[in-house]
């Protein structure tokens, strides 16, 4: 089952910067930036996350959408969290994903 991100946030506890993503490509790019910021290769991150370096490459380039369990493992290895938040300007009852956020 592919992961569909509606609105997601990544936060680093140290500075609590929150970055909102509405597409997989932007999330992958940010994950790559976080990995490089630690001075790690894709192999280093894969080893820490318990996966294959090819999976890291596929996530970072949005070549495929990983299972949620893999995404969480990679984010944990990067010392990042993933959370879901309501869209700004919409109540939780009326916030609905746009078609472009799903497909």
N, C-alpha and C. Protein backbone atom coordinates (compact mmCIF):
# COMPACT_ATOMS: atom_id res chain seq x y z
N UNK A 1 0.84 -1.17 0.00
CA UNK A 1 0.00 0.00 0.00
C UNK A 1 0.89 1.24 0.00
N UNK A 2 0.67 2.14 -0.92
CA UNK A 2 1.49 3.34 -1.03
C UNK A 2 1.02 4.40 -0.03
N UNK A 3 1.96 5.16 0.45
CA UNK A 3 1.67 6.24 1.39
C UNK A 3 1.21 7.45 0.62
N UNK A 4 0.09 8.01 1.01
CA UNK A 4 -0.40 9.24 0.42
C UNK A 4 -0.31 10.33 1.49
N UNK A 5 0.48 11.34 1.22
CA UNK A 5 0.67 12.43 2.17
C UNK A 5 -0.30 13.54 1.86
N UNK A 6 -1.17 13.85 2.77
CA UNK A 6 -2.09 14.96 2.58
C UNK A 6 -1.42 16.24 3.07
N UNK A 7 -1.22 16.35 4.33
CA UNK A 7 -0.44 17.44 4.90
C UNK A 7 0.43 16.80 5.97
N UNK A 8 1.69 16.96 5.86
CA UNK A 8 2.61 16.34 6.81
C UNK A 8 3.60 17.38 7.28
N UNK A 9 4.10 17.15 8.47
CA UNK A 9 5.15 18.02 8.99
C UNK A 9 6.33 17.17 9.41
N UNK A 10 7.51 17.72 9.27
CA UNK A 10 8.72 17.11 9.81
C UNK A 10 9.27 18.11 10.79
N UNK A 11 9.63 17.64 11.95
CA UNK A 11 10.17 18.56 12.95
C UNK A 11 11.38 17.94 13.61
N UNK A 12 12.36 18.75 13.86
CA UNK A 12 13.54 18.35 14.60
C UNK A 12 13.40 18.95 15.99
N UNK A 13 13.44 18.12 17.02
CA UNK A 13 13.18 18.57 18.39
C UNK A 13 14.15 19.66 18.84
N UNK A 14 15.36 19.65 18.34
CA UNK A 14 16.37 20.61 18.79
C UNK A 14 15.94 22.05 18.55
N UNK A 15 15.40 22.35 17.39
CA UNK A 15 15.03 23.74 17.12
C UNK A 15 13.54 23.88 16.81
N UNK A 16 12.82 22.79 16.73
CA UNK A 16 11.38 22.76 16.52
C UNK A 16 10.93 23.51 15.27
N UNK A 17 11.78 23.59 14.25
CA UNK A 17 11.33 24.11 12.97
C UNK A 17 10.36 23.11 12.38
N UNK A 18 9.26 23.61 11.88
CA UNK A 18 8.25 22.76 11.27
C UNK A 18 8.21 23.06 9.79
N UNK A 19 8.28 22.03 8.98
CA UNK A 19 8.23 22.16 7.54
C UNK A 19 7.00 21.40 7.06
N UNK A 20 6.14 22.07 6.32
CA UNK A 20 4.92 21.43 5.82
C UNK A 20 5.14 20.97 4.39
N UNK A 21 4.74 19.74 4.12
CA UNK A 21 4.87 19.15 2.78
C UNK A 21 3.50 18.76 2.27
N UNK A 22 3.29 18.99 1.00
CA UNK A 22 2.05 18.55 0.37
C UNK A 22 2.34 17.67 -0.84
N UNK A 23 3.60 17.34 -1.04
CA UNK A 23 3.93 16.40 -2.11
C UNK A 23 5.15 15.59 -1.72
N UNK A 24 5.24 14.42 -2.28
CA UNK A 24 6.29 13.46 -1.94
C UNK A 24 7.67 13.94 -2.39
N UNK A 25 7.72 14.64 -3.51
CA UNK A 25 9.01 15.11 -4.03
C UNK A 25 9.66 16.09 -3.05
N UNK A 26 8.89 17.03 -2.53
CA UNK A 26 9.45 18.01 -1.58
C UNK A 26 9.89 17.32 -0.29
N UNK A 27 9.13 16.33 0.15
CA UNK A 27 9.51 15.58 1.35
C UNK A 27 10.83 14.85 1.11
N UNK A 28 10.96 14.20 -0.04
CA UNK A 28 12.20 13.50 -0.36
C UNK A 28 13.40 14.42 -0.43
N UNK A 29 13.20 15.61 -1.01
CA UNK A 29 14.29 16.58 -1.10
C UNK A 29 14.73 17.04 0.29
N UNK A 30 13.77 17.25 1.18
CA UNK A 30 14.11 17.68 2.53
C UNK A 30 14.83 16.57 3.29
N UNK A 31 14.41 15.32 3.06
CA UNK A 31 15.07 14.19 3.70
C UNK A 31 16.52 14.09 3.21
N UNK A 32 16.73 14.31 1.92
CA UNK A 32 18.09 14.29 1.38
C UNK A 32 18.94 15.39 2.02
N UNK A 33 18.36 16.57 2.16
CA UNK A 33 19.08 17.67 2.79
C UNK A 33 19.45 17.33 4.24
N UNK A 34 18.52 16.71 4.96
CA UNK A 34 18.79 16.31 6.35
C UNK A 34 19.91 15.27 6.40
N UNK A 35 19.88 14.32 5.48
CA UNK A 35 20.92 13.28 5.43
C UNK A 35 22.28 13.91 5.15
N UNK A 36 22.34 14.77 4.16
CA UNK A 36 23.61 15.40 3.80
C UNK A 36 24.10 16.31 4.92
N UNK A 37 23.16 16.93 5.63
CA UNK A 37 23.53 17.77 6.76
C UNK A 37 24.24 17.00 7.85
N UNK A 38 23.97 15.71 7.94
CA UNK A 38 24.65 14.85 8.91
C UNK A 38 25.94 14.27 8.35
N UNK A 39 26.19 14.55 7.07
CA UNK A 39 27.40 14.03 6.43
C UNK A 39 27.30 12.56 6.09
N UNK A 40 26.09 12.05 5.95
CA UNK A 40 25.87 10.62 5.68
C UNK A 40 25.65 10.37 4.20
N UNK A 41 26.11 9.21 3.75
CA UNK A 41 25.77 8.71 2.42
C UNK A 41 24.41 8.04 2.49
N UNK A 42 23.86 7.71 1.34
CA UNK A 42 22.61 6.96 1.33
C UNK A 42 22.80 5.60 2.00
N UNK A 43 23.98 5.02 1.84
CA UNK A 43 24.28 3.75 2.50
C UNK A 43 24.30 3.88 4.01
N UNK A 44 24.87 4.98 4.50
CA UNK A 44 24.89 5.22 5.95
C UNK A 44 23.47 5.30 6.51
N UNK A 45 22.62 6.07 5.84
CA UNK A 45 21.24 6.22 6.29
C UNK A 45 20.49 4.90 6.19
N UNK A 46 20.70 4.19 5.11
CA UNK A 46 20.03 2.90 4.93
C UNK A 46 20.38 1.94 6.06
N UNK A 47 21.66 1.89 6.41
CA UNK A 47 22.10 1.01 7.50
C UNK A 47 21.42 1.38 8.82
N UNK A 48 21.34 2.66 9.11
CA UNK A 48 20.72 3.11 10.36
C UNK A 48 19.20 2.86 10.36
N UNK A 49 18.60 2.90 9.18
CA UNK A 49 17.15 2.71 9.08
C UNK A 49 16.76 1.26 8.83
N UNK A 50 17.74 0.40 8.62
CA UNK A 50 17.46 -1.01 8.39
C UNK A 50 16.87 -1.31 7.03
N UNK A 51 17.39 -0.63 6.01
CA UNK A 51 16.88 -0.84 4.66
C UNK A 51 18.03 -0.83 3.67
N UNK A 52 17.71 -0.84 2.41
CA UNK A 52 18.68 -0.87 1.33
C UNK A 52 18.93 0.56 0.82
N UNK A 53 20.17 0.88 0.42
CA UNK A 53 20.44 2.21 -0.10
C UNK A 53 19.56 2.59 -1.30
N UNK A 54 19.17 1.59 -2.09
CA UNK A 54 18.28 1.90 -3.23
C UNK A 54 16.95 2.45 -2.77
N UNK A 55 16.46 1.98 -1.62
CA UNK A 55 15.21 2.50 -1.08
C UNK A 55 15.36 3.97 -0.70
N UNK A 56 16.50 4.33 -0.12
CA UNK A 56 16.75 5.72 0.25
C UNK A 56 16.75 6.58 -1.01
N UNK A 57 17.42 6.12 -2.03
CA UNK A 57 17.46 6.86 -3.30
C UNK A 57 16.05 7.05 -3.86
N UNK A 58 15.26 6.01 -3.83
CA UNK A 58 13.89 6.08 -4.36
C UNK A 58 13.02 7.05 -3.57
N UNK A 59 13.21 7.09 -2.25
CA UNK A 59 12.46 8.03 -1.41
C UNK A 59 12.89 9.46 -1.71
N UNK A 60 14.20 9.69 -1.76
CA UNK A 60 14.71 11.04 -1.96
C UNK A 60 14.35 11.61 -3.32
N UNK A 61 14.23 10.76 -4.32
CA UNK A 61 13.90 11.23 -5.67
C UNK A 61 12.42 11.09 -5.99
N UNK A 62 11.65 10.61 -5.05
CA UNK A 62 10.21 10.38 -5.24
C UNK A 62 9.94 9.40 -6.37
N UNK A 63 10.86 8.45 -6.56
CA UNK A 63 10.67 7.44 -7.59
C UNK A 63 9.56 6.47 -7.22
N UNK A 64 9.29 6.35 -5.93
CA UNK A 64 8.15 5.57 -5.45
C UNK A 64 7.79 6.07 -4.07
N UNK A 65 6.60 5.72 -3.63
CA UNK A 65 6.14 6.14 -2.31
C UNK A 65 6.28 4.95 -1.37
N UNK A 66 7.11 5.10 -0.33
CA UNK A 66 7.41 3.98 0.56
C UNK A 66 6.24 3.66 1.49
N UNK A 67 6.31 2.48 2.07
CA UNK A 67 5.37 2.13 3.13
C UNK A 67 5.60 3.09 4.30
N UNK A 68 4.56 3.33 5.04
CA UNK A 68 4.66 4.22 6.19
C UNK A 68 5.72 3.73 7.17
N UNK A 69 5.81 2.43 7.39
CA UNK A 69 6.79 1.90 8.34
C UNK A 69 8.22 2.22 7.90
N UNK A 70 8.50 2.16 6.62
CA UNK A 70 9.84 2.49 6.11
C UNK A 70 10.09 3.99 6.25
N UNK A 71 9.12 4.79 5.89
CA UNK A 71 9.28 6.24 6.02
C UNK A 71 9.57 6.63 7.46
N UNK A 72 8.83 6.05 8.39
CA UNK A 72 9.05 6.35 9.81
C UNK A 72 10.43 5.89 10.27
N UNK A 73 10.90 4.76 9.80
CA UNK A 73 12.23 4.26 10.17
C UNK A 73 13.32 5.20 9.65
N UNK A 74 13.16 5.67 8.43
CA UNK A 74 14.16 6.58 7.86
C UNK A 74 14.14 7.91 8.60
N UNK A 75 12.96 8.44 8.88
CA UNK A 75 12.88 9.69 9.62
C UNK A 75 13.46 9.54 11.04
N UNK A 76 13.20 8.41 11.69
CA UNK A 76 13.76 8.18 13.03
C UNK A 76 15.28 8.15 12.97
N UNK A 77 15.83 7.51 11.93
CA UNK A 77 17.29 7.47 11.78
C UNK A 77 17.84 8.88 11.60
N UNK A 78 17.07 9.76 10.97
CA UNK A 78 17.48 11.15 10.77
C UNK A 78 17.19 12.02 11.99
N UNK A 79 16.62 11.41 13.02
CA UNK A 79 16.22 12.12 14.24
C UNK A 79 15.17 13.19 13.94
N UNK A 80 14.21 12.82 13.08
CA UNK A 80 13.11 13.69 12.70
C UNK A 80 11.79 13.00 13.03
N UNK A 81 10.76 13.79 13.21
CA UNK A 81 9.41 13.27 13.46
C UNK A 81 8.51 13.60 12.28
N UNK A 82 7.47 12.82 12.13
CA UNK A 82 6.46 13.07 11.11
C UNK A 82 5.13 13.21 11.82
N UNK A 83 4.37 14.23 11.47
CA UNK A 83 3.07 14.44 12.09
C UNK A 83 2.06 14.91 11.07
N UNK A 84 0.80 14.78 11.40
CA UNK A 84 -0.26 15.27 10.54
C UNK A 84 -0.92 16.45 11.22
N UNK A 85 -1.19 17.48 10.45
CA UNK A 85 -1.81 18.68 10.99
C UNK A 85 -2.96 19.10 10.08
N UNK A 86 -3.97 19.77 10.66
CA UNK A 86 -5.04 20.29 9.80
C UNK A 86 -4.49 21.39 8.89
N UNK A 87 -5.09 21.54 7.75
CA UNK A 87 -4.67 22.61 6.85
C UNK A 87 -4.98 23.96 7.47
N UNK A 88 -4.13 24.90 7.24
CA UNK A 88 -4.37 26.26 7.74
C UNK A 88 -5.59 26.84 7.05
N UNK A 89 -6.39 27.55 7.84
CA UNK A 89 -7.57 28.19 7.29
C UNK A 89 -8.76 27.28 7.14
N UNK A 90 -8.64 26.04 7.55
CA UNK A 90 -9.76 25.10 7.47
C UNK A 90 -9.90 24.39 8.80
N UNK A 91 -11.13 24.16 9.19
CA UNK A 91 -11.36 23.41 10.42
C UNK A 91 -11.11 21.94 10.13
N UNK A 92 -10.80 21.14 11.15
CA UNK A 92 -10.59 19.70 10.91
C UNK A 92 -11.80 19.04 10.27
N UNK A 93 -12.99 19.56 10.51
CA UNK A 93 -14.19 18.96 9.93
C UNK A 93 -14.30 19.26 8.44
N UNK A 94 -13.78 20.39 7.99
CA UNK A 94 -13.93 20.75 6.59
C UNK A 94 -12.66 20.57 5.77
N UNK A 95 -11.54 20.33 6.43
CA UNK A 95 -10.28 20.16 5.69
C UNK A 95 -10.34 18.87 4.90
N UNK A 96 -10.22 18.99 3.59
CA UNK A 96 -10.23 17.83 2.71
C UNK A 96 -9.03 17.94 1.77
N UNK A 97 -8.43 16.81 1.44
CA UNK A 97 -7.30 16.87 0.51
C UNK A 97 -7.77 17.29 -0.88
N UNK A 98 -6.93 18.03 -1.56
CA UNK A 98 -7.20 18.37 -2.95
C UNK A 98 -6.78 17.21 -3.81
N UNK A 99 -7.37 17.04 -5.00
CA UNK A 99 -6.97 15.92 -5.87
C UNK A 99 -5.48 15.89 -6.14
N UNK A 100 -4.85 17.05 -6.32
CA UNK A 100 -3.42 17.06 -6.60
C UNK A 100 -2.57 16.62 -5.42
N UNK A 101 -3.16 16.64 -4.20
CA UNK A 101 -2.43 16.15 -3.03
C UNK A 101 -2.48 14.63 -2.93
N UNK A 102 -3.41 14.02 -3.61
CA UNK A 102 -3.61 12.58 -3.52
C UNK A 102 -2.92 11.85 -4.66
N UNK A 103 -2.96 12.39 -5.84
CA UNK A 103 -2.45 11.69 -7.01
C UNK A 103 -1.14 12.24 -7.48
